[in-house]
Structure formats: C-alpha cells, structure tokens
N, C-alpha and C. Protein backbone atom coordinates (compact mmCIF):
# COMPACT_ATOMS: atom_id res chain seq x y z
N MET A 1 -9.07 -52.43 -47.21
CA MET A 1 -10.27 -52.89 -47.92
C MET A 1 -10.22 -52.55 -49.40
N THR A 2 -9.90 -51.31 -49.67
CA THR A 2 -9.87 -50.96 -51.09
C THR A 2 -8.57 -51.24 -51.78
N ARG A 3 -7.50 -51.29 -50.98
CA ARG A 3 -6.16 -51.57 -51.54
C ARG A 3 -5.74 -50.68 -52.64
N ILE A 4 -6.03 -49.41 -52.60
CA ILE A 4 -5.69 -48.52 -53.68
C ILE A 4 -4.34 -47.85 -53.37
N VAL A 5 -3.81 -48.06 -52.18
CA VAL A 5 -2.49 -47.57 -51.86
C VAL A 5 -1.63 -48.72 -51.46
N PRO A 6 -0.31 -48.61 -51.62
CA PRO A 6 0.55 -49.67 -51.17
C PRO A 6 0.41 -49.99 -49.79
N ALA A 7 0.58 -51.24 -49.39
CA ALA A 7 0.48 -51.70 -47.95
C ALA A 7 1.45 -50.97 -47.12
N GLY A 8 1.10 -50.49 -45.94
CA GLY A 8 1.96 -49.83 -45.03
C GLY A 8 2.15 -48.41 -45.21
N ARG A 9 1.57 -47.82 -46.29
CA ARG A 9 1.73 -46.48 -46.48
C ARG A 9 1.20 -45.53 -45.44
N TYR A 10 0.01 -45.90 -44.94
CA TYR A 10 -0.65 -45.12 -43.86
C TYR A 10 -0.73 -45.93 -42.64
N ALA A 11 -0.32 -45.43 -41.49
CA ALA A 11 -0.38 -46.10 -40.24
C ALA A 11 -1.55 -45.47 -39.40
N ALA A 12 -2.36 -46.35 -38.82
CA ALA A 12 -3.50 -45.86 -38.00
C ALA A 12 -3.04 -44.88 -36.94
N SER A 13 -1.85 -45.08 -36.36
CA SER A 13 -1.32 -44.30 -35.29
C SER A 13 -1.14 -42.78 -35.76
N ARG A 14 -1.00 -42.56 -37.08
CA ARG A 14 -0.78 -41.27 -37.64
C ARG A 14 -2.08 -40.47 -37.93
N LEU A 15 -3.23 -41.17 -37.99
CA LEU A 15 -4.49 -40.60 -38.24
C LEU A 15 -5.01 -39.73 -37.10
N ARG A 16 -5.62 -38.49 -37.34
CA ARG A 16 -6.17 -37.68 -36.36
C ARG A 16 -7.60 -37.36 -36.61
N THR A 17 -8.44 -37.22 -35.54
CA THR A 17 -9.81 -36.84 -35.72
C THR A 17 -9.86 -35.36 -36.03
N PRO A 18 -11.05 -34.89 -36.58
CA PRO A 18 -11.09 -33.41 -36.73
C PRO A 18 -10.92 -32.59 -35.44
N SER A 19 -11.46 -33.09 -34.32
CA SER A 19 -11.20 -32.30 -33.09
C SER A 19 -9.76 -32.30 -32.75
N GLU A 20 -8.96 -33.35 -32.96
CA GLU A 20 -7.58 -33.33 -32.68
C GLU A 20 -6.79 -32.34 -33.60
N VAL A 21 -7.24 -32.36 -34.90
CA VAL A 21 -6.63 -31.35 -35.77
C VAL A 21 -6.92 -29.97 -35.38
N ALA A 22 -8.14 -29.71 -34.87
CA ALA A 22 -8.53 -28.38 -34.47
C ALA A 22 -7.72 -27.85 -33.30
N ALA A 23 -7.25 -28.77 -32.42
CA ALA A 23 -6.59 -28.36 -31.22
C ALA A 23 -5.08 -28.08 -31.47
N LEU A 24 -4.60 -28.55 -32.57
CA LEU A 24 -3.07 -28.41 -32.79
C LEU A 24 -2.61 -26.94 -33.05
N PRO A 25 -3.30 -26.10 -33.76
CA PRO A 25 -2.78 -24.80 -34.05
C PRO A 25 -2.38 -24.00 -32.79
N ALA A 26 -3.34 -23.93 -31.77
CA ALA A 26 -3.04 -23.21 -30.51
C ALA A 26 -1.80 -23.67 -29.86
N ARG A 27 -1.54 -25.01 -29.88
CA ARG A 27 -0.33 -25.48 -29.25
C ARG A 27 0.93 -25.02 -29.92
N HIS A 28 0.87 -24.49 -31.14
CA HIS A 28 2.01 -24.09 -31.96
C HIS A 28 1.95 -22.54 -32.17
N GLY A 29 1.14 -21.85 -31.46
CA GLY A 29 1.04 -20.43 -31.61
C GLY A 29 0.34 -19.96 -32.88
N LEU A 30 -0.52 -20.77 -33.38
CA LEU A 30 -1.16 -20.42 -34.68
C LEU A 30 -2.66 -20.22 -34.42
N THR A 31 -3.26 -19.40 -35.32
CA THR A 31 -4.74 -19.18 -35.31
C THR A 31 -5.43 -20.17 -36.18
N ASP A 32 -6.39 -20.97 -35.56
CA ASP A 32 -7.12 -21.96 -36.31
C ASP A 32 -7.99 -21.36 -37.37
N GLY A 33 -7.82 -21.85 -38.58
CA GLY A 33 -8.59 -21.32 -39.68
C GLY A 33 -9.70 -22.34 -40.03
N GLY A 34 -9.85 -23.41 -39.32
CA GLY A 34 -11.04 -24.27 -39.52
C GLY A 34 -10.61 -25.59 -40.24
N ILE A 35 -11.59 -26.45 -40.26
CA ILE A 35 -11.44 -27.64 -40.92
C ILE A 35 -12.43 -27.79 -42.07
N CYS A 36 -12.05 -28.40 -43.25
CA CYS A 36 -12.95 -28.43 -44.37
C CYS A 36 -12.99 -29.96 -44.89
N ASP A 37 -14.13 -30.38 -45.24
CA ASP A 37 -14.30 -31.67 -45.87
C ASP A 37 -13.60 -31.70 -47.22
N PHE A 38 -13.09 -32.82 -47.60
CA PHE A 38 -12.32 -32.99 -48.87
C PHE A 38 -12.83 -34.22 -49.48
N LYS A 39 -13.55 -34.11 -50.62
CA LYS A 39 -14.23 -35.34 -51.18
C LYS A 39 -14.06 -35.24 -52.73
N PRO A 40 -14.35 -36.49 -53.30
CA PRO A 40 -14.18 -36.53 -54.76
C PRO A 40 -15.28 -35.73 -55.47
N HIS A 41 -14.85 -35.15 -56.61
CA HIS A 41 -15.74 -34.28 -57.38
C HIS A 41 -16.93 -35.06 -57.81
N ARG A 42 -16.73 -36.30 -58.22
CA ARG A 42 -17.86 -37.25 -58.58
C ARG A 42 -17.56 -38.66 -58.03
N VAL A 43 -18.58 -39.33 -57.54
CA VAL A 43 -18.46 -40.61 -57.01
C VAL A 43 -17.96 -41.62 -58.07
N ARG A 44 -18.51 -41.45 -59.31
CA ARG A 44 -18.08 -42.35 -60.42
C ARG A 44 -16.61 -42.24 -60.71
N GLY A 45 -16.07 -41.01 -60.57
CA GLY A 45 -14.65 -40.85 -60.75
C GLY A 45 -13.86 -41.57 -59.74
N LEU A 46 -14.30 -41.59 -58.43
CA LEU A 46 -13.66 -42.24 -57.39
C LEU A 46 -13.63 -43.75 -57.65
N ILE A 47 -14.85 -44.28 -58.00
CA ILE A 47 -15.00 -45.73 -58.27
C ILE A 47 -14.05 -46.12 -59.41
N ALA A 48 -14.10 -45.42 -60.46
CA ALA A 48 -13.21 -45.73 -61.65
C ALA A 48 -11.82 -45.67 -61.18
N GLY A 49 -11.43 -44.68 -60.43
CA GLY A 49 -9.99 -44.58 -60.02
C GLY A 49 -9.57 -45.73 -59.14
N VAL A 50 -10.49 -46.10 -58.23
CA VAL A 50 -10.14 -47.21 -57.28
C VAL A 50 -9.95 -48.53 -58.09
N ARG A 51 -10.89 -48.69 -59.05
CA ARG A 51 -10.77 -50.00 -59.90
C ARG A 51 -9.52 -50.00 -60.64
N ALA A 52 -9.21 -48.82 -61.26
CA ALA A 52 -8.02 -48.81 -62.17
C ALA A 52 -6.71 -48.99 -61.36
N ARG A 53 -6.76 -48.40 -60.11
CA ARG A 53 -5.50 -48.49 -59.24
C ARG A 53 -5.38 -49.88 -58.76
N ARG A 54 -6.46 -50.59 -58.39
CA ARG A 54 -6.37 -51.95 -57.89
C ARG A 54 -5.87 -52.83 -59.02
N ALA A 55 -6.28 -52.57 -60.27
CA ALA A 55 -5.94 -53.43 -61.39
C ALA A 55 -4.60 -53.08 -61.88
N GLY A 56 -3.94 -52.08 -61.37
CA GLY A 56 -2.57 -51.70 -61.78
C GLY A 56 -2.57 -50.97 -63.08
N ARG A 57 -3.68 -50.44 -63.54
CA ARG A 57 -3.72 -49.74 -64.80
C ARG A 57 -3.25 -48.25 -64.64
N VAL A 58 -3.28 -47.76 -63.42
CA VAL A 58 -2.85 -46.36 -63.14
C VAL A 58 -1.99 -46.33 -61.89
N THR A 59 -1.20 -45.32 -61.76
CA THR A 59 -0.33 -45.15 -60.63
C THR A 59 -0.93 -43.96 -59.79
N ASP A 60 -0.40 -43.74 -58.56
CA ASP A 60 -0.87 -42.72 -57.76
C ASP A 60 -0.93 -41.36 -58.41
N ASP A 61 0.04 -41.05 -59.14
CA ASP A 61 0.12 -39.64 -59.84
C ASP A 61 -1.01 -39.49 -60.77
N VAL A 62 -1.51 -40.52 -61.43
CA VAL A 62 -2.60 -40.44 -62.38
C VAL A 62 -3.90 -40.49 -61.62
N LEU A 63 -3.96 -41.21 -60.53
CA LEU A 63 -5.17 -41.41 -59.75
C LEU A 63 -5.70 -40.04 -59.29
N GLU A 64 -4.90 -39.14 -58.89
CA GLU A 64 -5.37 -37.82 -58.50
C GLU A 64 -6.23 -37.10 -59.51
N ALA A 65 -5.76 -37.06 -60.73
CA ALA A 65 -6.45 -36.39 -61.79
C ALA A 65 -7.78 -37.12 -62.15
N MET A 66 -7.83 -38.40 -62.05
CA MET A 66 -9.03 -39.23 -62.24
C MET A 66 -10.13 -38.87 -61.27
N VAL A 67 -9.76 -38.86 -60.05
CA VAL A 67 -10.70 -38.63 -58.91
C VAL A 67 -11.14 -37.18 -58.74
N ARG A 68 -10.16 -36.26 -58.96
CA ARG A 68 -10.42 -34.85 -58.77
C ARG A 68 -11.12 -34.48 -57.44
N PHE A 69 -10.36 -34.55 -56.36
CA PHE A 69 -10.88 -34.26 -55.05
C PHE A 69 -11.08 -32.71 -54.97
N ALA A 70 -12.10 -32.28 -54.24
CA ALA A 70 -12.37 -30.89 -54.09
C ALA A 70 -12.76 -30.54 -52.59
N LEU A 71 -12.50 -29.33 -52.27
CA LEU A 71 -12.87 -28.90 -50.85
C LEU A 71 -14.40 -28.68 -50.86
N ALA A 72 -14.99 -28.94 -49.69
CA ALA A 72 -16.44 -28.79 -49.54
C ALA A 72 -16.69 -28.03 -48.28
N PRO A 73 -16.44 -26.70 -48.29
CA PRO A 73 -16.67 -25.87 -47.07
C PRO A 73 -18.13 -25.99 -46.51
N GLY A 74 -18.29 -25.99 -45.28
CA GLY A 74 -19.64 -26.13 -44.66
C GLY A 74 -20.14 -27.54 -44.60
N SER A 75 -19.54 -28.51 -45.22
CA SER A 75 -19.89 -29.86 -45.10
C SER A 75 -19.18 -30.55 -43.94
N LYS A 76 -19.95 -31.45 -43.27
CA LYS A 76 -19.35 -32.15 -42.11
C LYS A 76 -18.27 -33.10 -42.62
N PRO A 77 -16.98 -32.99 -42.09
CA PRO A 77 -15.95 -33.97 -42.54
C PRO A 77 -16.35 -35.34 -42.12
N LEU A 78 -16.36 -36.25 -43.04
CA LEU A 78 -16.73 -37.62 -42.80
C LEU A 78 -15.53 -38.53 -42.83
N VAL A 79 -14.74 -38.46 -43.96
CA VAL A 79 -13.54 -39.37 -44.10
C VAL A 79 -12.30 -38.55 -44.28
N THR A 80 -12.19 -37.69 -45.28
CA THR A 80 -11.03 -36.95 -45.48
C THR A 80 -11.21 -35.51 -45.34
N TYR A 81 -10.36 -34.87 -44.62
CA TYR A 81 -10.54 -33.42 -44.30
C TYR A 81 -9.20 -32.80 -44.21
N LEU A 82 -9.23 -31.48 -44.30
CA LEU A 82 -8.02 -30.68 -44.25
C LEU A 82 -8.23 -29.59 -43.21
N GLY A 83 -7.23 -29.36 -42.44
CA GLY A 83 -7.24 -28.26 -41.46
C GLY A 83 -6.26 -27.21 -41.91
N HIS A 84 -6.48 -25.94 -41.53
CA HIS A 84 -5.48 -24.91 -41.82
C HIS A 84 -5.38 -23.89 -40.71
N ALA A 85 -4.28 -23.29 -40.66
CA ALA A 85 -4.06 -22.24 -39.63
C ALA A 85 -3.16 -21.16 -40.18
N ARG A 86 -3.11 -20.02 -39.46
CA ARG A 86 -2.21 -18.95 -39.86
C ARG A 86 -1.37 -18.52 -38.63
N LYS A 87 -0.23 -17.97 -38.94
CA LYS A 87 0.61 -17.37 -37.90
C LYS A 87 -0.04 -16.01 -37.59
N GLY A 88 -0.34 -15.68 -36.31
CA GLY A 88 -0.98 -14.47 -35.93
C GLY A 88 -2.44 -14.57 -35.88
N ARG A 89 -3.12 -13.43 -35.93
CA ARG A 89 -4.63 -13.48 -35.90
C ARG A 89 -5.22 -13.48 -37.27
N LEU A 90 -6.43 -14.00 -37.42
CA LEU A 90 -7.13 -14.05 -38.66
C LEU A 90 -7.90 -12.67 -38.80
C-alpha cells in the first residue's frame, strides 16, 4: 500500500506475531527479555519519509534518519516491534 520498500523485499510468510517472537527464545535455550514497540519519533517524519521514498527522492539509507524510529517500552506493539533474549538467566 505505501510502496516505500522495493516489491518482494518482505514476504508475509516471514512475519511473526509478538506471541510467536516471545516463544522463540526458550526453544533455543535463551531467556526471553521481552518485546518492545518500535515506532517513529514523529508521525510527520514518517509521512515525509514515505512521500520522499515513494517519489524516489531518498533511498532506504536516508529514510532511516528522516523517520528516526525509537523504542517505546511499555507500549503495546501494534505494527513494528523488537524482541530480545539473553543466553542464560536475566
């Protein structure tokens, strides 16, 4: 819909829900460190970045600096999220 990434870069079969990500560490002998929401610093920056990327004015390496994504601990993951784990106990 937004077409900000080249076609075919992401396959739906590779996407995982937060609960699926949370279940992975134990399967690999790791301690789950939790999942954190990952969102743009400012919505305006995201909109400007999407428009510039769609128009071909910026590339992916520039887009990251324009949008400035940030972690949002304690926030419910809605779209983009990161999971982390550690070897051994926390």
